[in-house]
Amino acid sequence: MDLRGRVAAVTGAGTGIGRAIALALASEGARVAVTDLNPDWAESVASEIRQKGGEAVAYRLDVTRRADAEAVVQAIVERWGRIDIWCNNAGISTMNRFWELTEEEWDFNINVNAKGVFLCSQVAAKQMMRQEPMEGSDLRGKIINTASMAGKRGNAPFLAHYVASKFAVVGLTQAMAGELAPYRITVNAVCPGYVRTGMQEREVLWEAKLRGVTPEEVRQLYINDTPLGRLEEPEDVAGVVLFLASPASDFITGEAINVNGGAWMD
């Protein structure tokens, strides 16, 4: 999956799945813009890539602010001339019973998980639409969204607002794919399951409290719900993103690919 010469950007790349995606893209030769709301985390990942011989730069990015997205895209283009791969990975979660959800929780999840994908994709797509096709391809660019198993499976306890935001990502992925195809831009999503990250650790504690059980019992629930019998690792997701970023997927668009060890099949 040779990505030498390609320019990639990853949002929410300071930790977890985003970090794994950035490292995977760099390992195949892509020049990577590592973006995160926390600039220190972004710089740490960019430094890790550079120490391994790759090319990377860090940017602070609040995905809920169009001005931030525009500034980052402009900076990447000024540095490397184009953007070939844009990975919308930034996401958050909170947990609560549906009837106790606050407007603040709803807005927070929707703004980051759905609006953030919309804003960043819009800005990235405008750049891709006006650039020449990638070398050796008829495509001008690729947009890859991190959705979730919760974007297909609504019966996720205590996550109604998160579910709504991720269903929106899956639907937006399809809508963008249709409209951007004539401009030779593909749009796809990955739908992870129970991924072992810092975000999952917070969710385990929240869910344990809401269920009245121990955190270890919650982790076992996740494992029991996964036919392959283990928690997912960020690298499991990054491998599929790497495929979608590579020439091997050039004729795939509008898909939301399950990456969850069989926890949800459709």
Protein backbone atom coordinates (compact mmCIF):
# COMPACT_ATOMS: atom_id res chain seq x y z
CA MET A 1 0.00 0.00 0.00
CA ASP A 2 2.58 2.49 -1.18
CA LEU A 3 1.51 6.05 -0.30
CA ARG A 4 4.75 7.79 -1.15
CA GLY A 5 4.06 11.25 -2.52
CA ARG A 6 0.58 11.40 -0.98
CA VAL A 7 -0.39 14.12 1.50
CA ALA A 8 -2.71 13.06 4.32
CA ALA A 9 -4.41 14.86 7.20
CA VAL A 10 -5.90 13.19 10.26
CA THR A 11 -8.16 14.92 12.78
CA GLY A 12 -8.16 13.88 16.42
CA ALA A 13 -4.78 12.29 15.76
CA GLY A 14 -3.17 13.00 19.12
CA THR A 15 -4.31 9.77 20.77
CA GLY A 16 -6.15 6.49 20.22
CA ILE A 17 -7.46 5.59 16.78
CA GLY A 18 -6.27 8.85 15.23
CA ARG A 19 -2.72 8.29 16.39
CA ALA A 20 -2.76 4.76 14.96
CA ILE A 21 -4.10 6.08 11.63
CA ALA A 22 -1.43 8.79 11.41
CA LEU A 23 1.34 6.30 12.16
CA ALA A 24 -0.03 3.79 9.65
CA LEU A 25 -0.25 6.36 6.85
CA ALA A 26 3.27 7.58 7.59
CA SER A 27 4.60 4.01 7.63
CA GLU A 28 3.55 3.72 3.98
CA GLY A 29 5.30 6.94 3.00
CA ALA A 30 2.53 9.54 3.24
CA ARG A 31 3.35 13.02 4.46
CA VAL A 32 1.01 13.46 7.41
CA ALA A 33 -0.61 16.53 8.94
CA VAL A 34 -1.35 15.47 12.52
CA THR A 35 -4.19 17.59 13.90
CA ASP A 36 -5.80 17.65 17.30
CA LEU A 37 -7.57 20.02 19.66
CA ASN A 38 -4.60 19.49 21.98
CA PRO A 39 -1.52 20.77 20.10
CA ASP A 40 0.91 19.03 22.46
CA TRP A 41 -0.63 15.64 21.68
CA ALA A 42 -0.51 16.40 17.96
CA GLU A 43 3.15 17.40 18.15
CA SER A 44 3.99 14.26 20.11
CA VAL A 45 2.61 12.05 17.31
CA ALA A 46 4.22 14.15 14.58
CA SER A 47 7.55 13.90 16.42
CA GLU A 48 7.13 10.12 16.68
CA ILE A 49 6.64 9.94 12.91
CA ARG A 50 9.69 12.10 12.23
CA GLN A 51 11.83 10.01 14.59
CA LYS A 52 10.92 6.97 12.49
CA GLY A 53 12.07 8.74 9.33
CA GLY A 54 8.68 9.98 8.15
CA GLU A 55 7.49 13.47 7.29
CA ALA A 56 4.88 15.04 9.55
CA VAL A 57 3.74 18.36 10.92
CA ALA A 58 1.33 19.12 13.78
CA TYR A 59 -1.58 21.58 13.78
CA ARG A 60 -4.12 22.54 16.40
CA LEU A 61 -7.63 22.01 15.02
CA ASP A 62 -11.04 22.47 16.60
CA VAL A 63 -13.22 20.59 14.11
CA THR A 64 -16.32 22.53 15.18
CA ARG A 65 -14.82 25.78 13.86
CA ARG A 66 -14.82 26.36 10.10
CA ALA A 67 -12.10 28.99 10.44
CA ASP A 68 -9.81 26.42 12.07
CA ALA A 69 -10.41 23.93 9.29
CA GLU A 70 -9.76 26.55 6.63
CA ALA A 71 -6.55 27.66 8.31
CA VAL A 72 -5.24 24.10 8.59
CA VAL A 73 -6.09 23.24 4.97
CA GLN A 74 -4.39 26.44 3.80
CA ALA A 75 -1.30 25.66 5.87
CA ILE A 76 -1.06 22.11 4.51
CA VAL A 77 -1.43 23.30 0.91
CA GLU A 78 1.18 26.01 1.43
CA ARG A 79 3.56 23.40 2.81
CA TRP A 80 2.95 20.45 0.51
CA GLY A 81 0.89 21.82 -2.39
CA ARG A 82 -2.22 19.64 -2.06
CA ILE A 83 -4.25 17.28 0.14
CA ASP A 84 -4.82 13.75 -1.14
CA ILE A 85 -6.29 12.04 1.93
CA TRP A 86 -8.43 13.65 4.63
CA CYS A 87 -9.34 11.46 7.61
CA ASN A 88 -12.17 12.78 9.79
CA ASN A 89 -11.38 10.90 12.97
CA ALA A 90 -11.99 13.42 15.76
CA GLY A 91 -14.84 12.31 18.00
CA ILE A 92 -16.09 12.38 21.56
CA SER A 93 -18.66 10.63 23.71
CA THR A 94 -20.56 11.01 26.93
CA MET A 95 -22.99 8.57 28.52
CA ASN A 96 -26.40 9.03 30.08
CA ARG A 97 -29.86 7.51 30.11
CA PHE A 98 -31.91 8.85 27.21
CA TRP A 99 -34.51 10.49 29.47
CA GLU A 100 -31.77 12.20 31.46
CA LEU A 101 -29.74 13.54 28.52
CA THR A 102 -29.17 17.27 28.61
CA GLU A 103 -29.19 19.63 25.65
CA GLU A 104 -25.53 20.32 26.40
CA GLU A 105 -24.65 16.64 26.03
CA TRP A 106 -26.67 16.38 22.83
CA ASP A 107 -25.09 19.48 21.30
CA PHE A 108 -21.56 18.47 22.33
CA ASN A 109 -21.80 15.06 20.65
CA ILE A 110 -23.55 16.31 17.52
CA ASN A 111 -21.22 19.29 17.11
CA VAL A 112 -17.98 17.34 17.30
CA ASN A 113 -18.99 14.01 15.75
CA ALA A 114 -21.31 15.17 12.96
CA LYS A 115 -20.86 18.90 12.40
CA GLY A 116 -17.09 18.47 12.64
CA VAL A 117 -17.14 15.93 9.81
CA PHE A 118 -19.35 18.24 7.74
CA LEU A 119 -17.18 21.34 8.21
CA CYS A 120 -13.82 19.65 7.69
CA SER A 121 -15.04 17.62 4.72
CA GLN A 122 -16.49 20.69 3.06
CA VAL A 123 -13.24 22.62 3.36
CA ALA A 124 -11.07 19.66 2.33
CA ALA A 125 -13.34 18.80 -0.61
CA LYS A 126 -13.16 22.33 -2.00
CA GLN A 127 -9.37 22.02 -2.07
CA MET A 128 -9.49 18.58 -3.67
CA MET A 129 -11.97 19.73 -6.32
CA ARG A 130 -9.55 22.32 -7.67
CA GLN A 131 -6.37 20.26 -7.64
CA GLU A 132 -4.99 17.93 -10.27
CA PRO A 133 -5.53 14.16 -9.89
CA MET A 134 -3.10 12.23 -7.75
CA GLU A 135 -0.10 10.86 -9.60
CA GLY A 136 -0.95 7.52 -11.17
CA SER A 137 -4.68 7.90 -10.48
CA ASP A 138 -7.75 9.57 -11.90
CA LEU A 139 -8.84 10.57 -8.38
CA ARG A 140 -8.31 14.02 -6.92
CA GLY A 141 -8.67 12.94 -3.33
CA LYS A 142 -10.10 10.64 -0.68
CA ILE A 143 -12.14 11.47 2.40
CA ILE A 144 -12.31 8.80 5.11
CA ASN A 145 -14.62 9.19 8.11
CA THR A 146 -14.47 7.40 11.43
CA ALA A 147 -18.08 6.50 12.17
CA SER A 148 -18.90 3.68 14.59
CA MET A 149 -20.76 0.44 15.03
CA ALA A 150 -23.17 2.79 16.84
CA GLY A 151 -23.78 4.43 13.47
CA LYS A 152 -25.53 1.24 12.35
CA ARG A 153 -26.72 -0.35 15.58
CA GLY A 154 -29.08 1.86 17.53
CA ASN A 155 -29.46 -0.33 20.59
CA ALA A 156 -26.37 0.99 22.34
CA PRO A 157 -27.25 1.66 26.00
CA PHE A 158 -26.75 5.18 27.32
CA LEU A 159 -25.53 6.48 23.94
CA ALA A 160 -28.62 7.85 22.18
CA HIS A 161 -26.93 11.16 21.39
CA TYR A 162 -23.72 9.45 20.26
CA VAL A 163 -25.73 6.99 18.14
CA ALA A 164 -27.53 9.88 16.45
CA SER A 165 -24.23 11.61 15.68
CA LYS A 166 -22.68 8.49 14.17
CA PHE A 167 -25.78 7.60 12.12
CA ALA A 168 -25.36 11.12 10.75
CA VAL A 169 -21.76 10.38 9.78
CA VAL A 170 -22.79 7.24 7.88
CA GLY A 171 -25.55 9.12 6.04
CA LEU A 172 -23.31 12.09 5.31
CA THR A 173 -20.65 9.73 3.95
CA GLN A 174 -23.13 8.39 1.41
CA ALA A 175 -24.44 11.83 0.47
CA MET A 176 -20.94 13.25 0.00
CA ALA A 177 -19.86 10.23 -2.01
CA GLY A 178 -22.65 10.79 -4.50
CA GLU A 179 -22.05 14.50 -4.93
CA LEU A 180 -18.27 14.35 -5.02
CA ALA A 181 -17.90 11.37 -7.35
CA PRO A 182 -18.11 13.51 -10.52
CA TYR A 183 -15.12 15.46 -9.15
CA ARG A 184 -13.18 12.19 -8.72
CA ILE A 185 -13.24 12.28 -4.91
CA THR A 186 -14.15 9.16 -2.98
CA VAL A 187 -15.78 9.22 0.46
CA ASN A 188 -15.92 6.21 2.76
CA ALA A 189 -16.24 5.46 6.46
CA VAL A 190 -15.04 2.88 8.93
CA CYS A 191 -17.30 1.64 11.74
CA PRO A 192 -15.24 0.42 14.70
CA GLY A 193 -16.65 -1.54 17.62
CA TYR A 194 -15.27 -1.74 21.16
CA VAL A 195 -11.86 -0.15 20.69
CA ARG A 196 -9.36 -0.13 23.54
CA THR A 197 -8.63 3.61 23.88
CA GLY A 198 -8.66 6.29 26.54
CA MET A 199 -12.19 7.17 25.41
CA GLN A 200 -13.28 3.58 25.97
CA GLU A 201 -11.78 3.61 29.46
CA ARG A 202 -13.93 6.62 30.33
CA GLU A 203 -16.98 4.90 28.87
CA VAL A 204 -16.29 1.74 30.86
CA LEU A 205 -16.34 3.74 34.09
CA TRP A 206 -19.50 5.63 33.11
CA GLU A 207 -21.31 2.48 32.02
CA ALA A 208 -20.27 0.59 35.14
CA LYS A 209 -21.78 3.33 37.28
CA LEU A 210 -24.99 3.48 35.22
CA ARG A 211 -25.40 -0.32 35.29
CA GLY A 212 -24.33 -0.72 38.89
CA VAL A 213 -21.59 -3.21 38.04
CA THR A 214 -17.78 -3.23 38.04
CA PRO A 215 -15.66 -1.85 35.18
CA GLU A 216 -14.28 -5.35 34.56
CA GLU A 217 -17.82 -6.68 34.12
CA VAL A 218 -18.44 -3.99 31.50
CA ARG A 219 -15.26 -4.92 29.63
CA GLN A 220 -16.37 -8.54 29.66
CA LEU A 221 -19.74 -7.49 28.23
CA TYR A 222 -17.89 -5.87 25.34
CA ILE A 223 -15.77 -8.98 24.75
CA ASN A 224 -18.80 -11.27 24.96
CA ASP A 225 -20.53 -9.11 22.34
CA THR A 226 -17.58 -9.55 19.95
CA PRO A 227 -17.48 -12.94 18.18
CA LEU A 228 -13.72 -12.73 17.67
CA GLY A 229 -13.43 -12.65 21.44
CA ARG A 230 -11.28 -9.66 22.30
CA LEU A 231 -11.35 -5.91 22.54
CA GLU A 232 -10.47 -4.10 19.34
CA GLU A 233 -7.14 -2.27 19.08
CA PRO A 234 -6.66 1.11 17.34
CA GLU A 235 -4.38 -0.62 14.84
CA ASP A 236 -7.29 -2.84 13.73
CA VAL A 237 -9.08 0.30 12.56
CA ALA A 238 -5.96 1.91 11.11
CA GLY A 239 -5.37 -1.08 8.83
CA VAL A 240 -8.73 -0.60 7.13
CA VAL A 241 -8.21 3.16 6.85
CA LEU A 242 -4.86 2.42 5.22
CA PHE A 243 -6.64 0.24 2.65
CA LEU A 244 -9.18 2.99 1.94
CA ALA A 245 -6.35 5.51 1.55
CA SER A 246 -4.48 3.27 -0.89
CA PRO A 247 -4.91 2.75 -4.63
CA ALA A 248 -6.40 -0.69 -3.86
CA SER A 249 -9.70 1.01 -2.92
CA ASP A 250 -9.92 3.52 -5.78
CA PHE A 251 -13.24 2.09 -7.03
CA ILE A 252 -14.91 2.06 -3.60
CA THR A 253 -17.04 5.00 -2.49
CA GLY A 254 -20.03 5.58 -0.25
CA GLU A 255 -19.26 2.59 1.96
CA ALA A 256 -19.30 2.33 5.76
CA ILE A 257 -17.09 -0.66 6.48
CA ASN A 258 -17.58 -2.63 9.68
CA VAL A 259 -14.36 -3.13 11.65
CA ASN A 260 -15.66 -4.65 14.87
CA GLY A 261 -14.72 -8.32 15.14
CA GLY A 262 -18.22 -9.39 14.16
CA ALA A 263 -20.04 -7.43 16.87
CA TRP A 264 -22.33 -6.03 14.18
CA MET A 265 -22.82 -7.54 10.73
CA ASP A 266 -24.84 -6.09 7.86
